[in-house]
Amino acid sequence: MDYNDKVPKYNMTFAADKLSSEKLAEAFDLHQRQMTGSLAIEGGLTAHGDAMTDLKKTALGTVKFKASKGMLKQFPGLSKMFSILNVSQLFKFQLPDMVSGGMPYNEINASLHFLNGIVSSDDLFVKSDAMNIAVVGKIDMVREEVDGTVGIQPLQTVDKIVSSIPIVGWIITGKEGTFVTAYFKVQGKLNNPTVTAIPIQSMSSAVFDIFKRTFQLPVKIFTNTGEVFLGK
């Protein structure tokens, strides 16, 4: 077979506003991970092949999107992160139930880069009333595997942090009060990834610099499990 002549090739440049997130997810075979909201999207992609698997393998380009006023549902990785945060018993507010209710968000922004079946991003940011979430990582679209680092910043102050917290290197403090940012490594299958709380020290400087810019972290960072901060 002459590859250049026989295999369908696609070259798309697009820009659209007020799309349905649910319908777009279904079009890319992502319906198992539910997301609602209005979507604005622009970018360019090339791909070739007859089947969806071939298109995923050969997709090349960049897509920027902004989603507004929706819900995130049935994302196993987020559910596991919220479970770890609940175990810490730091917060008086109820974390979202990703199975029954989902997590409402105000805005999601990201630039997605496609290459050889991998989609990656270093600026995915979820803004909601309860918390902000930043993601740096990649997804293998064919194998449906994820490898990323996630930062979660609940928008609540914490009055007292005790040394029994099972997460190290994640406490930050600013002049106006104390905030917590927890970091997690997410790896494995998209439908059941392994989620591990990680210390700041385990991240590369490049990745942590991204989180510092995204969350606008203050200078002082507590990095040892045994440190105790008493709110003033």
Protein backbone atom coordinates (compact mmCIF):
# COMPACT_ATOMS: atom_id res chain seq x y z
CA MET A 1 0.00 0.00 0.00
CA ASP A 2 1.20 3.48 -0.80
CA TYR A 3 0.81 5.11 2.60
CA ASN A 4 0.62 8.66 1.28
CA ASP A 5 -2.05 7.87 -1.28
CA LYS A 6 -4.25 5.34 0.50
CA VAL A 7 -4.49 6.50 4.10
CA PRO A 8 -6.96 9.33 4.79
CA LYS A 9 -5.28 12.49 6.03
CA TYR A 10 -6.86 15.32 7.98
CA ASN A 11 -5.69 18.87 8.54
CA MET A 12 -7.91 21.04 10.72
CA THR A 13 -7.75 24.61 11.93
CA PHE A 14 -10.67 25.60 14.07
CA ALA A 15 -12.16 28.11 16.48
CA ALA A 16 -15.53 27.80 18.14
CA ASP A 17 -17.44 29.22 21.08
CA LYS A 18 -20.33 28.08 23.28
CA LEU A 19 -19.87 24.40 22.51
CA SER A 20 -21.30 21.63 24.67
CA SER A 21 -18.52 19.97 26.69
CA GLU A 22 -20.50 16.73 26.87
CA LYS A 23 -20.92 16.43 23.12
CA LEU A 24 -17.28 17.23 22.43
CA ALA A 25 -16.15 14.60 24.96
CA GLU A 26 -18.33 12.02 23.24
CA ALA A 27 -16.84 12.92 19.86
CA PHE A 28 -13.35 12.15 21.20
CA ASP A 29 -14.51 8.96 22.94
CA LEU A 30 -14.18 10.48 26.42
CA HIS A 31 -17.79 10.00 27.52
CA GLN A 32 -16.84 7.94 30.58
CA ARG A 33 -15.33 11.04 32.20
CA GLN A 34 -18.23 13.40 32.50
CA MET A 35 -17.81 17.14 32.16
CA THR A 36 -20.50 19.74 31.64
CA GLY A 37 -20.25 23.40 30.76
CA SER A 38 -19.86 25.83 27.88
CA LEU A 39 -16.65 25.47 25.91
CA ALA A 40 -14.58 27.85 23.77
CA ILE A 41 -11.87 26.13 21.73
CA GLU A 42 -9.29 26.99 19.10
CA GLY A 43 -6.26 25.36 17.55
CA GLY A 44 -4.93 23.21 14.77
CA LEU A 45 -4.52 19.44 14.41
CA THR A 46 -3.31 17.02 11.78
CA ALA A 47 -3.91 13.27 11.82
CA HIS A 48 -4.20 10.31 9.47
CA GLY A 49 -5.85 6.90 9.53
CA ASP A 50 -9.17 5.11 9.09
CA ALA A 51 -10.02 4.38 12.73
CA MET A 52 -10.18 6.47 15.92
CA THR A 53 -7.15 4.63 17.30
CA ASP A 54 -5.10 5.64 14.26
CA LEU A 55 -6.23 9.24 14.58
CA LYS A 56 -5.24 9.31 18.25
CA LYS A 57 -1.81 7.85 17.46
CA THR A 58 -1.05 10.37 14.74
CA ALA A 59 -2.66 13.54 16.12
CA LEU A 60 -0.26 16.47 16.01
CA GLY A 61 -0.89 20.06 17.03
CA THR A 62 -2.09 22.32 19.82
CA VAL A 63 -5.58 23.02 21.14
CA LYS A 64 -6.46 25.77 23.60
CA PHE A 65 -9.74 25.67 25.45
CA LYS A 66 -11.73 27.47 28.10
CA ALA A 67 -14.69 25.84 29.82
CA SER A 68 -17.15 27.83 31.91
CA LYS A 69 -19.78 27.16 34.56
CA GLY A 70 -20.07 23.39 34.63
CA MET A 71 -19.51 20.22 36.64
CA LEU A 72 -16.73 17.64 36.78
CA LYS A 73 -18.04 14.13 37.46
CA GLN A 74 -16.62 10.62 37.75
CA PHE A 75 -12.95 11.51 37.62
CA PRO A 76 -11.42 8.70 39.73
CA GLY A 77 -8.15 10.55 40.26
CA LEU A 78 -9.87 13.56 41.82
CA SER A 79 -12.00 11.28 44.00
CA LYS A 80 -8.87 9.66 45.42
CA MET A 81 -7.21 13.02 46.05
CA PHE A 82 -10.27 14.30 47.90
CA SER A 83 -10.28 11.12 50.00
CA ILE A 84 -6.69 11.79 51.08
CA LEU A 85 -7.57 15.38 51.97
CA ASN A 86 -10.56 14.23 54.01
CA VAL A 87 -8.35 11.82 55.95
CA SER A 88 -6.18 14.79 56.91
CA GLN A 89 -9.20 16.33 58.69
CA LEU A 90 -7.95 19.85 58.09
CA PHE A 91 -11.02 21.36 56.55
CA LYS A 92 -14.38 22.20 58.03
CA PHE A 93 -16.09 22.35 54.66
CA GLN A 94 -17.30 19.30 52.73
CA LEU A 95 -15.16 18.28 49.76
CA PRO A 96 -17.08 17.46 46.56
CA ASP A 97 -18.44 13.96 46.01
CA MET A 98 -17.18 13.12 42.52
CA VAL A 99 -19.47 10.09 42.18
CA SER A 100 -22.90 11.33 43.20
CA GLY A 101 -22.79 15.09 42.85
CA GLY A 102 -19.58 16.11 41.16
CA MET A 103 -17.54 19.26 41.53
CA PRO A 104 -18.91 22.56 40.22
CA TYR A 105 -16.33 24.82 38.60
CA ASN A 106 -16.29 28.41 37.40
CA GLU A 107 -13.61 28.11 34.75
CA ILE A 108 -11.11 25.66 33.25
CA ASN A 109 -8.25 26.81 31.02
CA ALA A 110 -5.63 24.70 29.26
CA SER A 111 -3.32 24.38 26.29
CA LEU A 112 -3.18 20.77 25.06
CA HIS A 113 -0.28 19.58 22.93
CA PHE A 114 -0.75 16.45 20.77
CA LEU A 115 2.19 14.31 19.58
CA ASN A 116 2.49 10.57 18.80
CA GLY A 117 -0.62 9.57 20.72
CA ILE A 118 0.26 11.69 23.76
CA VAL A 119 -1.61 14.79 24.86
CA SER A 120 0.26 16.94 27.38
CA SER A 121 -0.30 20.19 29.24
CA ASP A 122 1.63 22.33 31.70
CA ASP A 123 -1.06 24.94 32.31
CA LEU A 124 -4.35 23.15 32.98
CA PHE A 125 -6.09 25.17 35.68
CA VAL A 126 -9.47 24.63 37.32
CA LYS A 127 -10.99 27.54 39.22
CA SER A 128 -13.95 27.02 41.53
CA ASP A 129 -15.48 28.60 44.61
CA ALA A 130 -14.17 25.83 46.88
CA MET A 131 -10.67 25.29 45.47
CA ASN A 132 -8.21 25.79 42.65
CA ILE A 133 -6.59 22.84 40.86
CA ALA A 134 -3.50 22.89 38.63
CA VAL A 135 -2.27 19.98 36.50
CA VAL A 136 1.06 19.30 34.80
CA GLY A 137 1.28 16.03 32.91
CA LYS A 138 0.34 13.87 29.97
CA ILE A 139 -2.18 11.27 28.83
CA ASP A 140 -1.52 8.38 26.47
CA MET A 141 -4.74 8.48 24.44
CA VAL A 142 -4.33 5.00 22.98
CA ARG A 143 -3.40 3.16 26.18
CA GLU A 144 -5.65 5.45 28.24
CA GLU A 145 -2.92 6.03 30.80
CA VAL A 146 -2.07 9.18 32.74
CA ASP A 147 1.19 10.45 34.22
CA GLY A 148 0.91 13.79 35.94
CA THR A 149 1.32 15.99 38.99
CA VAL A 150 -1.68 17.78 40.48
CA GLY A 151 -1.79 20.65 42.94
CA ILE A 152 -4.96 21.35 44.93
CA GLN A 153 -5.42 24.62 46.82
CA PRO A 154 -8.60 24.70 48.94
CA LEU A 155 -9.72 28.29 49.32
CA GLN A 156 -10.00 28.08 53.08
CA THR A 157 -7.66 29.23 55.84
CA VAL A 158 -6.36 26.68 58.32
CA ASP A 159 -6.02 27.65 61.98
CA LYS A 160 -3.80 24.81 63.14
CA ILE A 161 -1.69 22.19 61.39
CA VAL A 162 -0.50 19.24 63.49
CA SER A 163 2.44 16.93 62.87
CA SER A 164 0.25 13.87 62.28
CA ILE A 165 -0.72 15.07 58.79
CA PRO A 166 0.09 12.21 56.39
CA ILE A 167 1.18 14.64 53.66
CA VAL A 168 4.60 16.30 53.76
CA GLY A 169 5.92 19.41 52.13
CA TRP A 170 2.64 20.98 51.24
CA ILE A 171 1.96 23.79 53.73
CA ILE A 172 2.31 27.36 52.59
CA THR A 173 1.66 30.57 54.46
CA GLY A 174 1.12 34.14 53.40
CA LYS A 175 0.69 37.49 55.09
CA GLU A 176 -3.10 37.34 55.03
CA GLY A 177 -3.44 33.91 56.61
CA THR A 178 -2.57 30.30 56.11
CA PHE A 179 -3.45 28.28 53.02
CA VAL A 180 -2.78 24.70 52.19
CA THR A 181 -1.68 23.40 48.81
CA ALA A 182 -1.49 19.61 48.48
CA TYR A 183 0.44 17.92 45.70
CA PHE A 184 -0.25 14.51 44.21
CA LYS A 185 1.32 12.16 41.70
CA VAL A 186 -1.27 10.52 39.44
CA GLN A 187 -0.19 7.52 37.35
CA GLY A 188 -1.74 4.53 35.63
CA LYS A 189 -5.03 3.82 33.92
CA LEU A 190 -7.38 6.77 33.51
CA ASN A 191 -10.30 4.83 34.94
CA ASN A 192 -8.36 3.77 38.06
CA PRO A 193 -5.08 5.66 38.51
CA THR A 194 -2.73 5.37 41.44
CA VAL A 195 -2.77 8.59 43.48
CA THR A 196 0.00 9.42 45.94
CA ALA A 197 0.48 12.53 48.06
CA ILE A 198 3.98 13.86 47.42
CA PRO A 199 6.32 16.38 49.07
CA ILE A 200 7.44 19.51 47.31
CA GLN A 201 11.01 18.22 47.37
CA SER A 202 10.13 15.31 45.08
CA MET A 203 9.12 17.62 42.22
CA SER A 204 11.55 18.92 39.64
CA SER A 205 12.27 22.63 39.93
CA ALA A 206 10.63 23.21 36.54
CA VAL A 207 7.36 21.61 37.63
CA PHE A 208 7.30 23.36 41.00
CA ASP A 209 8.02 26.70 39.32
CA ILE A 210 4.86 26.16 37.27
CA PHE A 211 2.83 25.60 40.43
CA LYS A 212 4.37 28.64 42.12
CA ARG A 213 3.34 30.84 39.20
CA THR A 214 -0.10 29.26 38.89
CA PHE A 215 -1.02 29.46 42.56
CA GLN A 216 0.98 32.65 43.17
CA LEU A 217 2.57 30.99 46.17
CA PRO A 218 4.20 33.13 48.87
CA VAL A 219 7.89 32.80 49.58
CA LYS A 220 7.75 30.93 52.87
CA ILE A 221 7.06 27.21 52.48
CA PHE A 222 6.93 24.62 55.27
CA THR A 223 8.48 21.41 54.00
CA ASN A 224 8.90 19.16 57.05
CA THR A 225 6.21 16.89 58.47
CA GLY A 226 7.02 17.84 62.04
CA GLU A 227 6.52 21.57 61.63
CA VAL A 228 3.49 23.06 63.34
CA PHE A 229 1.84 26.30 62.36
CA LEU A 230 -0.54 28.09 64.70
CA GLY A 231 -2.82 30.56 62.98
CA LYS A 232 -2.85 34.11 64.26
